[in-house]
N, C-alpha and C. Protein backbone atom coordinates (compact mmCIF):
# COMPACT_ATOMS: atom_id res chain seq x y z
N MET A 1 30.17 -23.64 26.98
CA MET A 1 30.43 -22.78 25.85
C MET A 1 31.90 -22.93 25.44
N ARG A 2 32.13 -23.05 24.15
CA ARG A 2 33.49 -23.21 23.64
C ARG A 2 34.03 -21.89 23.13
N THR A 3 35.33 -21.79 23.08
CA THR A 3 35.98 -20.62 22.50
C THR A 3 36.56 -21.01 21.17
N GLY A 4 36.29 -20.23 20.13
CA GLY A 4 36.80 -20.52 18.80
C GLY A 4 38.26 -20.10 18.66
N LEU A 5 38.82 -20.36 17.52
CA LEU A 5 40.21 -20.01 17.27
C LEU A 5 40.44 -18.51 17.38
N ASP A 6 39.43 -17.74 17.06
CA ASP A 6 39.56 -16.28 17.12
C ASP A 6 39.26 -15.73 18.50
N GLY A 7 39.03 -16.58 19.49
CA GLY A 7 38.83 -16.15 20.86
C GLY A 7 37.40 -15.77 21.20
N ARG A 8 36.49 -15.82 20.23
CA ARG A 8 35.11 -15.47 20.51
C ARG A 8 34.35 -16.70 21.00
N HIS A 9 33.42 -16.47 21.89
CA HIS A 9 32.62 -17.57 22.42
C HIS A 9 31.65 -18.08 21.37
N ARG A 10 31.45 -19.37 21.38
CA ARG A 10 30.51 -19.99 20.44
C ARG A 10 29.51 -20.83 21.22
N ASP A 11 28.29 -20.90 20.70
CA ASP A 11 27.28 -21.73 21.35
C ASP A 11 27.48 -23.19 20.94
N ARG A 12 26.60 -24.06 21.35
CA ARG A 12 26.76 -25.49 21.07
C ARG A 12 26.70 -25.81 19.59
N ASN A 13 26.04 -24.96 18.81
CA ASN A 13 25.94 -25.17 17.37
C ASN A 13 27.12 -24.57 16.61
N GLY A 14 28.03 -23.94 17.34
CA GLY A 14 29.20 -23.35 16.70
C GLY A 14 29.03 -21.90 16.28
N ARG A 15 27.82 -21.35 16.48
CA ARG A 15 27.59 -19.94 16.13
C ARG A 15 28.31 -19.04 17.12
N ILE A 16 28.82 -17.93 16.63
CA ILE A 16 29.48 -16.96 17.49
C ILE A 16 28.43 -16.28 18.35
N GLU A 17 28.68 -16.25 19.64
CA GLU A 17 27.75 -15.62 20.57
C GLU A 17 27.90 -14.11 20.51
N GLU A 18 26.77 -13.41 20.46
CA GLU A 18 26.78 -11.96 20.41
C GLU A 18 26.63 -11.39 21.81
N LYS A 19 27.12 -10.16 21.99
CA LYS A 19 26.92 -9.47 23.26
C LYS A 19 25.44 -9.16 23.40
N ARG A 20 24.97 -9.21 24.61
CA ARG A 20 23.57 -8.89 24.87
C ARG A 20 23.32 -7.41 24.69
N GLY A 21 22.13 -7.04 24.31
CA GLY A 21 21.77 -5.65 24.10
C GLY A 21 21.80 -4.82 25.37
N ASP A 22 21.67 -5.48 26.53
CA ASP A 22 21.67 -4.72 27.78
C ASP A 22 23.08 -4.55 28.36
N THR A 23 24.10 -4.94 27.59
CA THR A 23 25.49 -4.71 28.00
C THR A 23 25.75 -3.22 28.03
N LEU A 24 26.36 -2.74 29.09
CA LEU A 24 26.62 -1.31 29.22
C LEU A 24 27.93 -0.93 28.55
N VAL A 25 27.99 0.31 28.10
CA VAL A 25 29.20 0.83 27.46
C VAL A 25 30.39 0.69 28.40
N ARG A 26 30.19 0.89 29.70
CA ARG A 26 31.32 0.78 30.65
C ARG A 26 31.91 -0.63 30.64
N THR A 27 31.08 -1.64 30.44
CA THR A 27 31.55 -3.01 30.36
C THR A 27 32.35 -3.21 29.08
N LEU A 28 31.89 -2.64 27.99
CA LEU A 28 32.61 -2.74 26.73
C LEU A 28 33.96 -2.03 26.81
N ARG A 29 34.02 -0.95 27.57
CA ARG A 29 35.29 -0.22 27.73
C ARG A 29 36.31 -1.06 28.48
N ASP A 30 35.84 -1.92 29.38
CA ASP A 30 36.77 -2.82 30.07
C ASP A 30 37.47 -3.73 29.07
N GLU A 31 36.75 -4.10 28.02
CA GLU A 31 37.29 -5.03 27.03
C GLU A 31 38.04 -4.32 25.89
N TYR A 32 37.53 -3.16 25.45
CA TYR A 32 38.08 -2.50 24.25
C TYR A 32 38.85 -1.22 24.54
N GLY A 33 38.96 -0.83 25.78
CA GLY A 33 39.74 0.35 26.13
C GLY A 33 38.87 1.50 26.64
N ASP A 34 39.46 2.34 27.48
CA ASP A 34 38.73 3.43 28.12
C ASP A 34 38.15 4.43 27.14
N ASP A 35 38.73 4.53 25.95
CA ASP A 35 38.23 5.52 24.98
C ASP A 35 37.25 4.92 23.98
N PHE A 36 36.84 3.67 24.18
CA PHE A 36 35.85 3.06 23.29
C PHE A 36 34.50 3.74 23.46
N LEU A 37 33.88 4.14 22.37
CA LEU A 37 32.60 4.85 22.37
C LEU A 37 32.64 6.06 23.30
N ARG A 38 33.68 6.85 23.15
CA ARG A 38 33.92 7.97 24.06
C ARG A 38 32.83 9.03 24.04
N ASP A 39 32.03 9.08 22.99
CA ASP A 39 30.94 10.05 22.92
C ASP A 39 29.67 9.56 23.62
N TRP A 40 29.71 8.36 24.14
CA TRP A 40 28.55 7.76 24.80
C TRP A 40 28.77 7.72 26.31
N ARG A 41 27.67 7.88 27.04
CA ARG A 41 27.73 7.75 28.51
C ARG A 41 28.04 6.31 28.88
N SER A 42 28.68 6.14 30.01
CA SER A 42 29.08 4.79 30.43
C SER A 42 27.89 3.90 30.77
N ASN A 43 26.74 4.51 31.08
CA ASN A 43 25.57 3.70 31.41
C ASN A 43 24.63 3.49 30.21
N ALA A 44 25.07 3.87 29.01
CA ALA A 44 24.28 3.60 27.81
C ALA A 44 24.33 2.11 27.50
N LYS A 45 23.25 1.59 26.96
CA LYS A 45 23.19 0.17 26.64
C LYS A 45 23.61 -0.06 25.20
N LEU A 46 24.21 -1.22 24.96
CA LEU A 46 24.67 -1.58 23.62
C LEU A 46 23.52 -1.52 22.62
N ALA A 47 22.34 -1.95 23.00
CA ALA A 47 21.20 -1.93 22.08
C ALA A 47 20.91 -0.50 21.61
N THR A 48 21.04 0.47 22.49
CA THR A 48 20.81 1.86 22.14
C THR A 48 21.88 2.34 21.17
N VAL A 49 23.13 2.00 21.45
CA VAL A 49 24.23 2.40 20.56
C VAL A 49 24.03 1.80 19.18
N ARG A 50 23.68 0.51 19.13
CA ARG A 50 23.45 -0.15 17.83
C ARG A 50 22.32 0.54 17.05
N LYS A 51 21.25 0.84 17.76
CA LYS A 51 20.09 1.46 17.10
C LYS A 51 20.43 2.85 16.58
N GLU A 52 21.10 3.66 17.39
CA GLU A 52 21.41 5.04 17.02
C GLU A 52 22.47 5.13 15.92
N THR A 53 23.42 4.20 15.93
CA THR A 53 24.50 4.25 14.94
C THR A 53 24.24 3.36 13.73
N ASP A 54 23.27 2.47 13.85
CA ASP A 54 22.97 1.48 12.81
C ASP A 54 24.20 0.65 12.48
N MET A 55 24.96 0.28 13.51
CA MET A 55 26.18 -0.50 13.35
C MET A 55 26.17 -1.66 14.35
N SER A 56 26.80 -2.76 13.95
CA SER A 56 26.97 -3.89 14.85
C SER A 56 28.14 -3.60 15.78
N LEU A 57 28.27 -4.41 16.82
CA LEU A 57 29.40 -4.26 17.72
C LEU A 57 30.71 -4.48 16.97
N ALA A 58 30.73 -5.45 16.07
CA ALA A 58 31.95 -5.71 15.29
C ALA A 58 32.35 -4.49 14.48
N GLU A 59 31.36 -3.82 13.89
CA GLU A 59 31.65 -2.61 13.11
C GLU A 59 32.14 -1.48 14.01
N LEU A 60 31.55 -1.34 15.18
CA LEU A 60 31.98 -0.31 16.13
C LEU A 60 33.42 -0.55 16.58
N VAL A 61 33.76 -1.81 16.82
CA VAL A 61 35.12 -2.15 17.24
C VAL A 61 36.10 -1.86 16.12
N ARG A 62 35.75 -2.26 14.89
CA ARG A 62 36.64 -1.98 13.74
C ARG A 62 36.87 -0.48 13.59
N GLN A 63 35.80 0.29 13.71
CA GLN A 63 35.91 1.74 13.59
C GLN A 63 36.80 2.30 14.70
N HIS A 64 36.62 1.80 15.88
CA HIS A 64 37.43 2.26 17.02
C HIS A 64 38.92 1.95 16.79
N ARG A 65 39.18 0.76 16.31
CA ARG A 65 40.58 0.35 16.08
C ARG A 65 41.23 1.15 14.97
N ARG A 66 40.42 1.67 14.04
CA ARG A 66 40.96 2.52 12.98
C ARG A 66 41.11 3.96 13.46
N GLY A 67 40.64 4.24 14.70
CA GLY A 67 40.80 5.56 15.27
C GLY A 67 39.74 6.56 14.89
N LYS A 68 38.53 6.07 14.53
CA LYS A 68 37.47 6.97 14.09
C LYS A 68 36.33 7.11 15.06
N SER A 69 36.39 6.48 16.24
CA SER A 69 35.26 6.62 17.16
C SER A 69 35.57 7.56 18.28
């Protein structure tokens, strides 16, 4: 797997690899900070968060960085 200029992993076709739906919020907090998705339990799955918020991980990260999550 290659890393693109923006630091995101890409598959062999060059597509940006997405986080798996079974990724836990606690794992995302390791990457995005302890207060990321602070209203969610640490054992919640990313797929559940996406479904409940109707947002992609990229949108959730942008919102967090703007200080709205």
